[in-house]
Protein backbone atom coordinates (compact mmCIF):
# COMPACT_ATOMS: atom_id res chain seq x y z
CA MET A 1 2.34 1.73 49.79
CA PHE A 2 6.18 2.61 50.21
CA ASP A 3 7.82 4.64 52.84
CA ASP A 4 9.68 7.88 52.37
CA GLY A 5 13.31 6.61 51.62
CA PRO A 6 14.73 4.96 48.37
CA LEU A 7 13.04 2.39 46.86
CA ARG A 8 14.67 -1.26 46.85
CA ILE A 9 13.98 -2.21 43.40
CA ALA A 10 14.58 -5.65 41.69
CA PHE A 11 14.86 -5.63 37.90
CA LEU A 12 13.59 -8.77 35.77
CA SER A 13 13.84 -8.91 31.68
CA SER A 14 12.75 -11.15 29.42
CA ALA A 15 15.13 -12.62 27.04
CA ARG A 16 14.78 -9.91 24.19
CA PRO A 17 17.94 -8.37 23.71
CA ALA A 18 16.30 -4.86 23.98
CA ALA A 19 15.01 -5.55 27.07
CA ARG A 20 18.02 -6.86 28.73
CA GLU A 21 20.15 -4.03 27.85
CA ALA A 22 17.19 -1.41 29.14
CA ALA A 23 17.45 -3.39 32.39
CA GLU A 24 21.45 -3.23 32.61
CA ARG A 25 21.08 0.41 32.35
CA MET A 26 18.50 1.28 34.71
CA ILE A 27 20.52 -0.88 37.07
CA GLU A 28 23.08 1.03 36.86
CA ARG A 29 20.94 3.91 37.67
CA HIS A 30 18.77 2.70 40.40
CA GLY A 31 20.99 -0.32 41.66
CA ASN A 32 19.41 -3.77 41.95
CA VAL A 33 18.46 -5.72 44.97
CA PRO A 34 17.82 -9.61 45.36
CA VAL A 35 13.79 -10.41 44.76
CA ALA A 36 13.35 -11.02 48.86
CA GLU A 37 14.58 -7.98 49.83
CA ALA A 38 12.93 -5.77 47.25
CA ASP A 39 9.89 -3.00 47.81
CA VAL A 40 8.62 -3.40 43.76
CA LEU A 41 9.59 -5.94 41.39
CA VAL A 42 10.21 -3.60 37.68
CA ALA A 43 9.50 -6.30 34.82
CA LEU A 44 10.66 -5.65 31.42
CA GLY A 45 9.13 -7.32 28.63
CA GLY A 46 5.63 -8.55 27.68
CA ASP A 47 2.64 -9.68 28.74
CA GLY A 48 3.91 -13.25 28.58
CA PHE A 49 6.62 -12.19 31.04
CA MET A 50 4.64 -10.39 33.24
CA LEU A 51 2.75 -13.44 33.84
CA HIS A 52 5.95 -16.04 34.43
CA THR A 53 7.11 -13.07 36.49
CA LEU A 54 3.95 -13.26 38.70
CA HIS A 55 4.14 -17.04 38.98
CA GLU A 56 7.66 -17.22 39.81
CA ASN A 57 7.47 -14.71 42.74
CA SER A 58 3.96 -15.36 44.08
CA ASP A 59 5.15 -16.03 47.47
CA HIS A 60 7.13 -13.16 47.74
CA ARG A 61 3.71 -10.65 47.46
CA ILE A 62 5.66 -7.71 45.89
CA PRO A 63 3.99 -5.13 43.73
CA VAL A 64 5.48 -5.50 40.27
CA PHE A 65 5.43 -2.18 37.79
CA GLY A 66 5.62 -3.62 34.12
CA LEU A 67 7.36 -1.64 31.44
CA HIS A 68 6.52 -2.96 28.10
CA PHE A 69 9.09 -4.52 25.65
CA GLY A 70 6.60 -7.08 23.93
CA GLU A 71 3.73 -7.36 21.66
CA VAL A 72 0.53 -6.29 23.33
CA GLY A 73 1.54 -5.01 26.54
CA PHE A 74 -1.68 -5.03 28.25
CA LEU A 75 -0.35 -5.65 31.94
CA MET A 76 2.35 -3.12 31.00
CA ASN A 77 3.45 0.38 31.09
CA ARG A 78 4.89 2.32 28.31
CA PHE A 79 8.82 2.21 28.40
CA SER A 80 10.89 5.13 29.71
CA GLU A 81 13.71 5.32 31.73
CA GLU A 82 13.04 8.57 33.21
CA ASP A 83 11.24 9.30 36.73
CA LEU A 84 10.90 5.42 37.45
CA GLU A 85 10.77 5.86 41.19
CA ALA A 86 8.40 8.82 40.97
CA ARG A 87 5.99 7.14 38.51
CA ILE A 88 6.21 3.68 41.05
CA ARG A 89 5.11 6.20 43.71
CA ASP A 90 2.32 7.74 41.67
CA ALA A 91 0.98 4.50 40.44
CA ALA A 92 -2.44 3.11 40.74
CA SER A 93 -2.52 -0.75 42.05
CA PHE A 94 -4.57 -3.13 41.28
CA THR A 95 -5.09 -6.51 43.00
CA LEU A 96 -5.39 -9.84 41.00
CA LYS A 97 -7.11 -12.74 42.32
CA PRO A 98 -6.11 -15.88 40.71
CA LEU A 99 -8.08 -19.15 39.65
CA ARG A 100 -7.11 -22.42 41.24
CA MET A 101 -7.04 -25.61 38.96
CA HIS A 102 -7.59 -29.08 40.63
CA VAL A 103 -7.08 -31.67 37.72
CA THR A 104 -7.59 -35.43 37.47
CA THR A 105 -6.05 -37.37 34.47
CA GLN A 106 -7.31 -40.33 33.05
CA ASP A 107 -5.09 -42.73 34.80
CA GLY A 108 -5.75 -41.03 38.37
CA ARG A 109 -3.12 -38.55 38.88
CA THR A 110 -3.97 -34.89 40.42
CA ARG A 111 -2.24 -32.06 39.50
CA SER A 112 -2.91 -28.24 40.88
CA GLY A 113 -2.15 -25.05 38.90
CA LEU A 114 -2.65 -21.29 39.50
CA ALA A 115 -4.50 -19.30 36.51
CA ILE A 116 -3.76 -15.45 36.47
CA ASN A 117 -5.88 -15.15 33.16
CA GLU A 118 -7.64 -18.13 32.34
CA VAL A 119 -7.78 -21.90 32.91
CA ALA A 120 -8.60 -23.51 29.38
CA LEU A 121 -9.80 -26.86 28.36
CA LEU A 122 -8.43 -27.56 24.53
CA ARG A 123 -9.26 -30.95 22.24
CA GLN A 124 -5.91 -33.14 21.95
CA THR A 125 -6.76 -34.53 18.81
CA SER A 126 -9.17 -33.99 15.63
CA GLN A 127 -11.99 -35.32 17.51
CA ALA A 128 -14.19 -32.22 18.93
CA ALA A 129 -14.13 -32.23 23.07
CA HIS A 130 -17.24 -33.61 24.98
CA VAL A 131 -17.70 -31.84 28.13
CA ARG A 132 -20.42 -31.68 31.18
CA ILE A 133 -20.12 -28.87 32.69
CA ARG A 134 -21.20 -28.13 36.45
CA VAL A 135 -21.65 -25.05 38.30
CA ASN A 136 -21.94 -25.36 42.52
CA GLY A 137 -22.81 -29.22 41.87
CA THR A 138 -25.38 -28.39 39.47
CA VAL A 139 -25.41 -29.79 35.84
CA ARG A 140 -25.83 -26.61 33.67
CA VAL A 141 -24.46 -28.03 30.34
CA ASP A 142 -25.02 -31.78 30.04
CA ARG A 143 -22.79 -32.41 27.06
CA LEU A 144 -20.84 -29.64 25.48
CA VAL A 145 -19.41 -30.68 21.75
CA ALA A 146 -16.73 -27.61 21.02
CA ASP A 147 -13.06 -27.30 20.68
CA GLY A 148 -12.81 -26.39 24.54
CA VAL A 149 -14.02 -24.30 27.09
CA LEU A 150 -12.33 -21.67 29.54
CA VAL A 151 -12.83 -19.92 32.84
CA ALA A 152 -11.31 -16.36 32.66
CA THR A 153 -10.82 -13.77 35.48
CA ALA A 154 -11.68 -10.08 34.94
CA ALA A 155 -8.45 -9.15 34.04
CA GLY A 156 -7.55 -12.50 31.82
CA SER A 157 -11.31 -11.63 30.15
CA THR A 158 -9.60 -9.66 27.38
CA ALA A 159 -7.08 -12.30 26.51
CA TYR A 160 -8.13 -15.76 25.05
CA ASN A 161 -12.02 -15.15 26.42
CA LEU A 162 -12.06 -12.34 24.23
CA SER A 163 -11.01 -14.03 20.83
CA ALA A 164 -13.11 -16.95 21.93
CA HIS A 165 -15.97 -14.20 21.82
CA GLY A 166 -16.35 -14.14 25.46
CA PRO A 167 -17.55 -11.13 27.33
CA ILE A 168 -14.98 -8.35 28.94
CA LEU A 169 -15.74 -7.91 32.54
CA PRO A 170 -14.53 -4.51 33.92
CA LEU A 171 -12.38 -4.76 36.77
CA GLY A 172 -13.94 -4.95 40.75
CA THR A 173 -16.93 -7.16 39.45
CA GLU A 174 -17.08 -10.04 41.61
CA ALA A 175 -17.01 -12.71 38.70
CA VAL A 176 -15.61 -14.74 36.03
CA VAL A 177 -16.62 -15.71 32.82
CA LEU A 178 -17.37 -19.01 31.05
CA THR A 179 -16.68 -19.32 27.56
CA PRO A 180 -16.91 -22.14 25.42
CA ILE A 181 -14.32 -22.05 22.50
CA SER A 182 -15.56 -22.78 18.63
CA PRO A 183 -19.17 -24.62 20.12
CA PHE A 184 -21.17 -26.75 17.95
CA ARG A 185 -23.67 -28.10 20.46
CA PRO A 186 -25.55 -26.69 22.33
CA ARG A 187 -26.18 -24.33 18.93
CA ARG A 188 -27.27 -21.45 21.04
CA TRP A 189 -24.89 -21.24 24.18
CA ARG A 190 -22.18 -18.83 24.38
CA GLY A 191 -21.38 -18.91 27.91
CA ALA A 192 -21.83 -17.13 31.04
CA VAL A 193 -20.91 -14.76 33.96
CA LEU A 194 -20.61 -16.51 36.90
CA PRO A 195 -19.83 -15.05 40.78
CA ALA A 196 -15.92 -15.32 41.37
CA ALA A 197 -17.06 -17.44 44.47
CA ALA A 198 -18.40 -20.01 42.02
CA THR A 199 -17.08 -23.58 41.65
CA VAL A 200 -16.81 -24.91 38.11
CA GLU A 201 -16.65 -28.51 37.39
CA PHE A 202 -15.59 -29.92 34.12
CA GLU A 203 -16.09 -33.90 33.59
CA ILE A 204 -14.70 -35.08 30.16
CA LEU A 205 -16.63 -37.32 28.30
CA ASN A 206 -15.17 -40.32 26.55
CA ALA A 207 -12.12 -39.32 27.36
CA GLU A 208 -9.97 -41.92 25.90
CA ARG A 209 -11.44 -41.49 22.35
CA ARG A 210 -11.75 -37.57 22.62
CA PRO A 211 -8.77 -36.70 25.34
CA VAL A 212 -8.44 -33.16 26.28
CA SER A 213 -5.76 -31.02 27.75
CA ALA A 214 -6.04 -28.32 30.49
CA THR A 215 -4.24 -25.67 30.97
CA ALA A 216 -3.80 -23.01 33.76
CA ASP A 217 -2.09 -19.71 32.04
CA TYR A 218 0.78 -21.94 30.65
CA ASP A 219 0.89 -25.13 32.95
CA GLU A 220 -0.76 -27.74 30.99
CA VAL A 221 -1.85 -30.98 31.79
CA ARG A 222 -3.05 -33.75 29.36
CA ASP A 223 -5.28 -36.57 29.35
CA VAL A 224 -7.56 -35.14 31.96
CA ALA A 225 -10.80 -36.93 33.01
CA ARG A 226 -12.08 -33.92 35.50
CA VAL A 227 -11.09 -30.37 36.38
CA GLU A 228 -12.55 -28.12 38.98
CA VAL A 229 -11.96 -24.33 39.16
CA THR A 230 -12.54 -22.05 41.99
CA GLU A 231 -10.87 -18.41 43.10
CA ASP A 232 -7.88 -18.85 45.05
CA LYS A 233 -8.76 -16.87 48.18
CA HIS A 234 -5.33 -16.97 49.65
CA ALA A 235 -3.12 -15.96 46.55
CA GLU A 236 -3.05 -12.33 45.53
CA HIS A 237 -1.00 -10.32 42.96
CA VAL A 238 -0.60 -6.63 42.83
CA LEU A 239 0.01 -4.67 39.59
CA LEU A 240 1.15 -1.31 39.29
CA PHE A 241 0.33 1.05 36.47
CA ASP A 242 0.68 4.92 35.21
CA PRO A 243 -2.64 6.65 36.64
CA GLU A 244 -3.28 7.60 32.93
CA HIS A 245 -2.83 3.96 31.92
CA SER A 246 -4.81 2.17 34.18
CA LEU A 247 -5.81 -1.52 33.86
CA ASP A 248 -9.55 -0.82 34.24
CA GLU A 249 -9.28 1.78 31.85
CA ARG A 250 -7.29 -0.16 29.34
CA ILE A 251 -10.46 -2.80 29.76
CA LEU A 252 -13.11 -0.27 29.57
CA ASN A 253 -11.44 0.86 25.98
CA GLU A 254 -11.34 -2.70 24.78
CA GLN A 255 -15.47 -2.82 24.55
CA PHE A 256 -15.57 0.01 22.19
CA LEU A 257 -12.55 -0.74 19.64
């Protein structure tokens, strides 16, 4: 992935004081280049900061090596100031394929968003959401009564999807997860595993009385009427992991906790 010359590294850190101080020390040791000139981005923070880094730098298509300074660190590597270049060169890579969210609001406006983890629809008030779900144009759930519903990627299947009791997807499977959030009707429906190429459409029923928001990772749109979710075939993100802590191994381990 990298040539034999010195690595051009761009360091990015979250607002946490410990992450900022560590970034300053590593810049003194390794130097720092603008993102557009970098061979690799080193992100110091937690999973939330990693998602922010991927979204903010998606146009550059530069591999990202994360160092953990957050709460969970599922997308990060252990922090160490030693042997950074060697770790990056020896790292295993994983390509994330995000989801594209297309939204039409109740007043007819349209919005689009990119989701690396998931697209989630949530009720905005105490009233349960009523949602009709189509997959590839066919109605699969005529009326879901629930707090919400989400579509998650394989990488995102261990995040919000897991807390909503959705299945974990091993990496490399060409699939996404469709999971209801606190469903009341249909009583026995617990979601579905769909081909990654599937188009999932959500129609909000009684939208004015039962308003619903839609979120692509952290990009929220309120008062939605329709939401379409597809795999974005033109956007890819490459994450780098220490071989002994690769993302596919972490996802496998989550299934035995």
